[in-house]
């Protein structure tokens, strides 16, 4: 029987638990990211899986000693433990890069990739000088191989960790201080995730025994804060209560933001086939006017040469909304229907889109939740409103208007 000390058993068993928790949370986040099609959650899951990889050789050596009283190859042990660090930093820092400086995020990512190349080169050239081994002969199995702070590998690794701590941790903390409500809380969770993760990551190289277990538990807790910062509202919550504009904006900003789409070439090509201006009718529930920024969208669309005017009742109504609809709907070339829970219940909105449909006027559904699109219009070409990117919404509307309004 292997003569394990209390510290050996404590570190071995607790590290197995940490490993299972890390891979479990990482796999769950990856599943949620693919189900929800949320790229930020995917990068978080990959970062979690990568960093948890660093504990795998400890468990392998613990089990090998326990079962066969033999050790894992030391070079393999070092390689498995530290190959994850640059990848972890890249995946994790993609999140603050995307949320804090989206237009310059690739400067950050490319810089981290260059640091990763230097780290791997130094680790390959001097693996045993890059780390400090804690384990046999003083311990029954290898507890860890911390980075040697006096090596080039250790220096590059420390720079990467401090960068994550400052850019991600302090960056999100400042963003939280400047924000309000749910956005403030979400950014605070992300700040705590970065600060705890990189702080405990640094402490891991300088602690032993029971303190090491606490440090690693503290490290893995950062994963939970990341999940709290990035998770969406549950569908049940959305059905019970429509989220506020700020909550919707944050979900779109943090999770629903799709990849940027450049429609400029398609729009330019389509404009060449237009020889007269088009008139657009906007249908929406009054309480959604600010949420969907109806006035701003109408003004922006009207600034384009192919759009003569955008009619929305708060701007153009003189008296009766039904008379307004009767007088103007038939003149329009297309209708933009802003779909929401309130719009589904609105009698005027229903009369507007049913009348437009009866007259053969193209209808463009714009929605937050696809369940709010009237059943008869679900097959119509529309798009999911993005509260993060106003210009993208305008471009999508302009593109769909041109697509549906073929003027001879």
Protein backbone atom coordinates (compact mmCIF):
# COMPACT_ATOMS: atom_id res chain seq x y z
CA UNK A 1 0.00 0.00 0.00
CA UNK A 2 1.35 3.42 -0.96
CA UNK A 3 2.29 5.52 2.05
CA UNK A 4 0.30 8.66 1.26
CA UNK A 5 0.38 11.48 3.78
CA UNK A 6 -2.75 13.39 4.76
CA UNK A 7 -1.70 16.21 2.41
CA UNK A 8 -1.26 13.68 -0.43
CA UNK A 9 -4.77 12.30 0.01
CA UNK A 10 -6.25 15.76 0.43
CA UNK A 11 -4.62 17.17 -2.69
CA UNK A 12 -5.24 14.05 -4.77
CA UNK A 13 -8.93 13.62 -3.96
CA UNK A 14 -9.75 17.36 -4.03
CA UNK A 15 -7.98 17.76 -7.37
CA UNK A 16 -10.09 14.94 -8.82
CA UNK A 17 -13.16 16.86 -7.68
CA UNK A 18 -11.85 20.10 -9.17
CA UNK A 19 -11.04 18.33 -12.44
CA UNK A 20 -14.54 16.86 -12.70
CA UNK A 21 -16.13 20.20 -11.83
CA UNK A 22 -14.01 22.07 -14.38
CA UNK A 23 -14.70 19.64 -17.21
CA UNK A 24 -18.36 19.42 -16.21
CA UNK A 25 -18.89 23.19 -16.24
CA UNK A 26 -16.78 23.56 -19.38
CA UNK A 27 -18.78 20.91 -21.24
CA UNK A 28 -22.07 22.40 -20.04
CA UNK A 29 -21.05 25.88 -21.22
CA UNK A 30 -20.00 24.46 -24.59
CA UNK A 31 -23.35 22.68 -24.96
CA UNK A 32 -25.23 25.87 -24.05
CA UNK A 33 -23.11 27.92 -26.45
CA UNK A 34 -23.91 25.65 -29.37
CA UNK A 35 -27.59 25.37 -28.43
CA UNK A 36 -27.96 29.14 -28.11
CA UNK A 37 -25.42 29.87 -30.86
CA UNK A 38 -23.52 32.21 -28.56
CA UNK A 39 -19.85 32.62 -29.49
CA UNK A 40 -18.82 34.35 -26.26
CA UNK A 41 -20.11 31.44 -24.20
CA UNK A 42 -18.19 29.07 -26.47
CA UNK A 43 -14.91 30.90 -25.85
CA UNK A 44 -15.62 30.80 -22.12
CA UNK A 45 -16.21 27.05 -22.28
CA UNK A 46 -13.00 26.46 -24.24
CA UNK A 47 -11.04 28.54 -21.74
CA UNK A 48 -12.51 26.51 -18.87
CA UNK A 49 -11.72 23.18 -20.54
CA UNK A 50 -8.16 24.30 -21.36
CA UNK A 51 -7.32 25.53 -17.86
CA UNK A 52 -8.75 22.37 -16.30
CA UNK A 53 -6.39 20.41 -18.55
CA UNK A 54 -3.57 21.70 -16.32
CA UNK A 55 -4.72 19.47 -13.45
CA UNK A 56 -4.95 16.31 -15.54
CA UNK A 57 -1.30 15.17 -15.12
CA UNK A 58 -1.59 15.52 -11.31
CA UNK A 59 -4.52 13.11 -11.30
CA UNK A 60 -2.78 10.74 -13.73
CA UNK A 61 0.30 10.58 -11.49
CA UNK A 62 -1.81 10.24 -8.34
CA UNK A 63 -3.70 7.26 -9.82
CA UNK A 64 -0.55 5.67 -11.28
CA UNK A 65 1.19 5.79 -7.89
CA UNK A 66 -1.94 4.51 -6.14
CA UNK A 67 -2.45 1.61 -8.57
CA UNK A 68 1.02 0.63 -9.78
CA UNK A 69 3.44 2.69 -7.61
CA UNK A 70 4.95 4.18 -10.78
CA UNK A 71 5.16 7.81 -11.97
CA UNK A 72 4.16 9.56 -15.14
CA UNK A 73 7.02 10.57 -17.43
CA UNK A 74 8.20 13.94 -16.09
CA UNK A 75 8.56 15.57 -19.52
CA UNK A 76 5.05 14.46 -20.43
CA UNK A 77 3.83 15.74 -17.07
CA UNK A 78 5.28 19.21 -17.67
CA UNK A 79 4.00 19.35 -21.26
CA UNK A 80 0.43 18.38 -20.39
CA UNK A 81 0.30 20.78 -17.45
CA UNK A 82 1.53 23.92 -19.22
CA UNK A 83 0.49 23.52 -22.83
CA UNK A 84 -2.89 24.91 -21.74
CA UNK A 85 -1.77 28.32 -20.40
CA UNK A 86 -1.45 30.34 -23.65
CA UNK A 87 -4.64 28.80 -25.08
CA UNK A 88 -6.52 29.53 -21.86
CA UNK A 89 -5.45 33.19 -21.90
CA UNK A 90 -6.37 33.59 -25.59
CA UNK A 91 -9.84 32.05 -25.17
CA UNK A 92 -10.58 33.95 -21.96
CA UNK A 93 -9.31 37.33 -23.19
CA UNK A 94 -11.37 37.10 -26.36
CA UNK A 95 -14.40 37.88 -24.16
CA UNK A 96 -13.21 41.28 -22.79
CA UNK A 97 -11.65 42.09 -26.17
CA UNK A 98 -15.03 41.56 -27.85
CA UNK A 99 -17.03 43.42 -25.21
CA UNK A 100 -14.66 46.28 -24.39
CA UNK A 101 -12.91 47.04 -27.69
CA UNK A 102 -14.73 45.04 -30.42
CA UNK A 103 -13.23 47.02 -33.32
CA UNK A 104 -9.65 46.43 -32.10
CA UNK A 105 -10.06 42.98 -30.59
CA UNK A 106 -7.77 41.30 -33.12
CA UNK A 107 -4.84 43.44 -31.99
CA UNK A 108 -5.24 41.84 -28.56
CA UNK A 109 -5.69 38.32 -29.91
CA UNK A 110 -2.74 38.54 -32.33
CA UNK A 111 -0.53 39.90 -29.52
CA UNK A 112 -1.52 36.98 -27.28
CA UNK A 113 -0.85 34.51 -30.11
CA UNK A 114 2.68 35.91 -30.47
CA UNK A 115 3.20 35.56 -26.71
CA UNK A 116 1.92 31.99 -26.94
CA UNK A 117 4.45 31.18 -29.68
CA UNK A 118 7.31 32.51 -27.52
CA UNK A 119 6.01 30.56 -24.49
CA UNK A 120 5.86 27.27 -26.37
CA UNK A 121 9.30 27.85 -27.88
CA UNK A 122 10.90 28.43 -24.47
CA UNK A 123 9.00 25.53 -22.89
CA UNK A 124 10.18 23.21 -25.68
CA UNK A 125 13.81 24.36 -25.51
CA UNK A 126 14.12 24.19 -21.72
CA UNK A 127 11.24 22.23 -20.18
CA UNK A 128 12.94 21.34 -16.89
CA UNK A 129 14.31 24.84 -16.39
CA UNK A 130 10.88 26.35 -17.08
CA UNK A 131 9.17 24.83 -14.03
CA UNK A 132 9.68 24.05 -10.37
CA UNK A 133 8.55 20.50 -9.53
CA UNK A 134 6.74 19.82 -6.25
CA UNK A 135 6.57 16.10 -5.69
CA UNK A 136 8.90 13.08 -5.35
CA UNK A 137 11.10 12.38 -3.55
CA UNK A 138 9.55 14.61 -0.87
CA UNK A 139 5.99 13.67 -1.84
CA UNK A 140 4.35 10.43 -2.91
CA UNK A 141 3.22 11.92 -6.24
CA UNK A 142 3.74 15.10 -8.23
CA UNK A 143 1.56 17.82 -6.69
CA UNK A 144 2.37 20.38 -9.36
CA UNK A 145 5.02 21.86 -11.62
CA UNK A 146 4.83 25.60 -11.07
CA UNK A 147 6.38 28.00 -13.55
CA UNK A 148 9.92 29.05 -12.63
CA UNK A 149 9.66 32.87 -12.27
CA UNK A 150 13.36 33.21 -13.13
CA UNK A 151 13.03 31.48 -16.51
CA UNK A 152 11.97 33.07 -19.82
CA UNK A 153 9.01 30.70 -19.91
CA UNK A 154 7.96 31.80 -16.45
CA UNK A 155 8.39 35.47 -17.38
CA UNK A 156 6.21 35.13 -20.50
CA UNK A 157 3.61 33.15 -18.57
CA UNK A 158 3.54 35.77 -15.81
CA UNK A 159 3.15 38.58 -18.37
CA UNK A 160 0.19 36.73 -19.92
CA UNK A 161 -1.45 36.24 -16.52
CA UNK A 162 -0.95 39.87 -15.45
CA UNK A 163 -2.31 41.04 -18.80
CA UNK A 164 -5.48 39.01 -18.25
CA UNK A 165 -5.78 40.34 -14.70
CA UNK A 166 -5.46 43.99 -15.78
CA UNK A 167 -7.21 43.99 -19.16
CA UNK A 168 -10.02 41.57 -18.33
CA UNK A 169 -10.36 42.05 -14.58
CA UNK A 170 -9.93 45.81 -14.24
CA UNK A 171 -11.49 46.44 -17.65
CA UNK A 172 -14.73 44.71 -16.67
CA UNK A 173 -14.65 46.31 -13.21
CA UNK A 174 -14.44 49.82 -14.71
CA UNK A 175 -17.22 48.91 -17.14
CA UNK A 176 -19.34 47.72 -14.21
CA UNK A 177 -18.80 50.96 -12.27
CA UNK A 178 -19.93 52.99 -15.31
CA UNK A 179 -23.03 50.85 -15.94
CA UNK A 180 -26.36 50.45 -14.18
CA UNK A 181 -28.87 47.73 -13.33
CA UNK A 182 -28.46 44.27 -14.80
CA UNK A 183 -25.55 45.35 -17.01
CA UNK A 184 -23.64 46.56 -13.94
CA UNK A 185 -24.16 43.21 -12.23
CA UNK A 186 -23.16 41.18 -15.29
CA UNK A 187 -19.92 43.11 -15.79
CA UNK A 188 -19.16 42.74 -12.07
CA UNK A 189 -19.50 38.95 -12.35
CA UNK A 190 -17.12 38.93 -15.30
CA UNK A 191 -14.67 41.17 -13.44
CA UNK A 192 -14.70 38.81 -10.43
CA UNK A 193 -14.19 35.84 -12.76
CA UNK A 194 -11.07 37.39 -14.29
CA UNK A 195 -9.65 38.73 -11.01
CA UNK A 196 -10.16 35.49 -9.07
CA UNK A 197 -8.98 33.30 -11.94
CA UNK A 198 -5.70 35.08 -12.60
CA UNK A 199 -4.96 35.91 -8.93
CA UNK A 200 -5.36 32.33 -7.80
CA UNK A 201 -3.49 31.22 -10.91
CA UNK A 202 -0.48 33.21 -9.73
CA UNK A 203 -0.80 31.99 -6.13
CA UNK A 204 -0.85 28.37 -7.30
CA UNK A 205 2.88 28.54 -8.03
CA UNK A 206 3.73 29.61 -4.47
CA UNK A 207 1.51 27.47 -2.24
CA UNK A 208 1.52 23.91 -0.93
CA UNK A 209 -0.44 21.53 1.28
CA UNK A 210 -3.97 22.51 2.40
CA UNK A 211 -3.48 26.06 1.16
CA UNK A 212 -2.95 24.71 -2.35
CA UNK A 213 -6.36 23.02 -2.25
CA UNK A 214 -8.03 26.28 -1.20
CA UNK A 215 -6.22 28.18 -3.96
CA UNK A 216 -7.42 25.71 -6.59
CA UNK A 217 -10.99 25.81 -5.30
CA UNK A 218 -10.81 29.61 -5.44
CA UNK A 219 -9.50 29.37 -8.98
CA UNK A 220 -12.30 27.12 -10.19
CA UNK A 221 -14.91 29.43 -8.57
CA UNK A 222 -14.00 31.97 -11.25
CA UNK A 223 -15.64 29.64 -13.76
CA UNK A 224 -18.98 30.02 -12.00
CA UNK A 225 -18.75 33.81 -12.03
CA UNK A 226 -18.02 33.67 -15.77
CA UNK A 227 -21.17 31.63 -16.29
CA UNK A 228 -23.24 34.06 -14.19
CA UNK A 229 -21.89 36.94 -16.25
CA UNK A 230 -22.67 35.40 -19.61
CA UNK A 231 -25.79 33.31 -19.07
CA UNK A 232 -29.06 34.35 -20.73
CA UNK A 233 -32.45 34.73 -19.10
CA UNK A 234 -34.41 31.50 -19.05
CA UNK A 235 -37.30 31.18 -21.53
CA UNK A 236 -39.74 30.83 -18.59
CA UNK A 237 -38.64 34.21 -17.25
CA UNK A 238 -39.15 35.82 -20.65
CA UNK A 239 -42.64 34.38 -20.96
CA UNK A 240 -43.66 35.55 -17.51
CA UNK A 241 -42.30 39.06 -17.86
CA UNK A 242 -40.99 40.90 -20.87
CA UNK A 243 -37.42 42.04 -20.09
CA UNK A 244 -36.72 45.74 -19.86
CA UNK A 245 -34.97 47.58 -22.67
CA UNK A 246 -31.69 47.53 -20.72
CA UNK A 247 -31.95 43.79 -20.06
CA UNK A 248 -32.71 43.09 -23.72
CA UNK A 249 -29.85 45.35 -24.76
CA UNK A 250 -27.44 43.51 -22.50
CA UNK A 251 -28.50 40.05 -23.67
CA UNK A 252 -28.04 41.18 -27.25
CA UNK A 253 -24.73 42.84 -26.43
CA UNK A 254 -23.29 39.97 -24.41
CA UNK A 255 -24.82 36.92 -26.02
CA UNK A 256 -27.03 37.57 -29.00
CA UNK A 257 -24.55 39.60 -30.99
CA UNK A 258 -24.15 37.86 -34.31
CA UNK A 259 -21.17 38.19 -36.57
CA UNK A 260 -20.89 41.47 -38.42
CA UNK A 261 -22.52 41.36 -41.84
CA UNK A 262 -21.38 43.65 -44.65
CA UNK A 263 -24.33 44.25 -46.96
CA UNK A 264 -22.86 47.29 -48.71
CA UNK A 265 -22.11 45.49 -52.01
CA UNK A 266 -25.53 43.84 -52.17
CA UNK A 267 -27.29 47.12 -51.36
CA UNK A 268 -25.29 49.07 -53.96
CA UNK A 269 -26.09 46.47 -56.60
CA UNK A 270 -29.80 46.46 -55.76
CA UNK A 271 -30.00 50.27 -55.78
CA UNK A 272 -28.90 50.26 -59.42
CA UNK A 273 -32.20 48.55 -60.33
CA UNK A 274 -34.35 51.21 -58.65
CA UNK A 275 -35.52 54.22 -60.64
CA UNK A 276 -37.98 55.72 -58.12
CA UNK A 277 -38.38 56.21 -54.39
CA UNK A 278 -40.31 53.81 -52.15
CA UNK A 279 -42.70 54.57 -49.30
CA UNK A 280 -42.49 52.45 -46.12
CA UNK A 281 -45.24 51.90 -43.54
CA UNK A 282 -44.12 51.01 -40.00
CA UNK A 283 -46.45 49.02 -37.73
CA UNK A 284 -45.70 48.66 -34.01
CA UNK A 285 -47.22 48.79 -30.53
CA UNK A 286 -46.96 52.22 -28.92
CA UNK A 287 -45.15 50.91 -25.84
CA UNK A 288 -42.41 49.47 -28.11
CA UNK A 289 -41.54 52.82 -29.72
CA UNK A 290 -38.52 53.48 -27.48
CA UNK A 291 -37.47 49.85 -27.24
CA UNK A 292 -37.17 49.49 -31.02
CA UNK A 293 -36.03 53.11 -31.54
CA UNK A 294 -38.76 53.64 -34.14
CA UNK A 295 -38.12 57.36 -34.62
CA UNK A 296 -34.35 56.96 -35.05
CA UNK A 297 -34.76 54.09 -37.51
CA UNK A 298 -37.35 56.03 -39.54
CA UNK A 299 -35.08 59.08 -39.74
CA UNK A 300 -32.09 56.98 -40.75
CA UNK A 301 -33.97 55.07 -43.45
CA UNK A 302 -35.41 58.28 -44.87
CA UNK A 303 -31.89 59.63 -45.36
CA UNK A 304 -31.27 57.04 -48.10
CA UNK A 305 -32.08 58.18 -51.68
CA UNK A 306 -34.22 55.16 -52.60
CA UNK A 307 -36.59 55.69 -49.64
CA UNK A 308 -39.04 58.57 -50.09
CA UNK A 309 -40.47 58.44 -46.58
CA UNK A 310 -41.07 56.17 -43.61
CA UNK A 311 -44.56 56.53 -42.12
CA UNK A 312 -45.13 55.75 -38.45
CA UNK A 313 -48.25 56.88 -36.69
CA UNK A 314 -46.67 58.85 -33.81
CA UNK A 315 -45.10 61.15 -36.38
CA UNK A 316 -47.82 61.30 -39.04
CA UNK A 317 -51.12 60.70 -37.22
CA UNK A 318 -53.52 63.65 -37.23
CA UNK A 319 -56.60 62.12 -35.59
CA UNK A 320 -57.91 58.59 -35.87
CA UNK A 321 -55.38 55.77 -36.20
CA UNK A 322 -57.72 53.72 -38.41
CA UNK A 323 -58.24 56.67 -40.77
CA UNK A 324 -54.47 57.13 -40.81
CA UNK A 325 -54.03 53.50 -41.81
CA UNK A 326 -56.76 53.72 -44.45
CA UNK A 327 -55.25 56.88 -45.96
CA UNK A 328 -51.62 55.77 -46.05
CA UNK A 329 -51.26 52.00 -46.12
CA UNK A 330 -52.36 51.59 -49.72
CA UNK A 331 -49.74 54.09 -50.92
CA UNK A 332 -46.85 52.16 -49.38
CA UNK A 333 -44.50 49.75 -51.11
CA UNK A 334 -43.66 47.70 -48.00
CA UNK A 335 -44.53 47.33 -44.31
CA UNK A 336 -42.03 46.89 -41.49
CA UNK A 337 -43.78 45.06 -38.64
CA UNK A 338 -42.08 45.25 -35.23
CA UNK A 339 -43.19 42.10 -33.47
CA UNK A 340 -43.49 41.83 -29.70
CA UNK A 341 -45.83 40.53 -27.03
CA UNK A 342 -47.53 43.95 -26.94
CA UNK A 343 -47.85 44.01 -30.74
CA UNK A 344 -49.57 40.61 -30.71
CA UNK A 345 -52.24 42.02 -28.38
CA UNK A 346 -52.63 45.32 -30.25
CA UNK A 347 -55.84 45.59 -32.32
CA UNK A 348 -54.51 48.42 -34.55
CA UNK A 349 -51.31 46.50 -35.29
CA UNK A 350 -53.28 43.40 -36.23
CA UNK A 351 -55.56 45.43 -38.52
CA UNK A 352 -52.51 47.04 -40.16
CA UNK A 353 -50.64 43.86 -41.03
CA UNK A 354 -53.77 41.91 -42.04
CA UNK A 355 -54.80 44.78 -44.35
CA UNK A 356 -51.30 44.96 -45.81
CA UNK A 357 -51.30 41.20 -46.36
CA UNK A 358 -54.70 41.39 -48.09
CA UNK A 359 -53.40 44.13 -50.40
CA UNK A 360 -50.31 42.11 -51.27
CA UNK A 361 -47.93 44.59 -49.65
CA UNK A 362 -44.61 42.94 -48.67
CA UNK A 363 -44.27 42.60 -44.89
CA UNK A 364 -40.90 42.51 -43.08
CA UNK A 365 -41.18 41.09 -39.52
CA UNK A 366 -38.62 42.47 -37.04
CA UNK A 367 -38.59 40.60 -33.75
CA UNK A 368 -36.90 39.99 -30.40
CA UNK A 369 -38.47 36.59 -29.85
CA UNK A 370 -39.64 34.63 -32.94
CA UNK A 371 -42.65 33.48 -30.93
CA UNK A 372 -44.01 37.03 -31.21
CA UNK A 373 -44.31 36.86 -35.00
CA UNK A 374 -47.97 36.37 -36.01
CA UNK A 375 -48.36 32.72 -37.10
CA UNK A 376 -49.48 33.70 -40.62
CA UNK A 377 -46.28 35.72 -41.12
CA UNK A 378 -43.69 33.29 -39.75
CA UNK A 379 -42.65 32.30 -43.26
CA UNK A 380 -41.94 35.92 -44.26
CA UNK A 381 -38.34 37.04 -44.57
CA UNK A 382 -37.41 39.18 -41.56
CA UNK A 383 -34.64 39.43 -38.97
CA UNK A 384 -33.83 39.35 -35.25
CA UNK A 385 -33.43 42.88 -33.90
CA UNK A 386 -29.94 43.48 -32.45
CA UNK A 387 -29.96 45.98 -29.58
CA UNK A 388 -26.19 46.15 -29.63
CA UNK A 389 -25.77 47.29 -33.21
CA UNK A 390 -28.20 50.00 -34.38
CA UNK A 391 -26.55 50.42 -37.78
CA UNK A 392 -26.78 46.69 -38.48
CA UNK A 393 -30.55 46.88 -37.91
CA UNK A 394 -30.83 49.77 -40.35
CA UNK A 395 -28.70 47.98 -42.94
CA UNK A 396 -30.77 44.81 -42.63
CA UNK A 397 -34.01 46.77 -43.02
CA UNK A 398 -32.68 48.67 -46.01
CA UNK A 399 -31.50 45.43 -47.62
CA UNK A 400 -34.84 43.65 -47.07
CA UNK A 401 -36.83 46.67 -48.27
CA UNK A 402 -34.81 46.76 -51.50
CA UNK A 403 -35.14 43.01 -51.85
CA UNK A 404 -38.91 43.02 -51.49
CA UNK A 405 -39.65 46.21 -53.40
CA UNK A 406 -38.71 45.47 -56.98
CA UNK A 407 -39.49 48.71 -58.83
CA UNK A 408 -39.64 48.50 -62.59
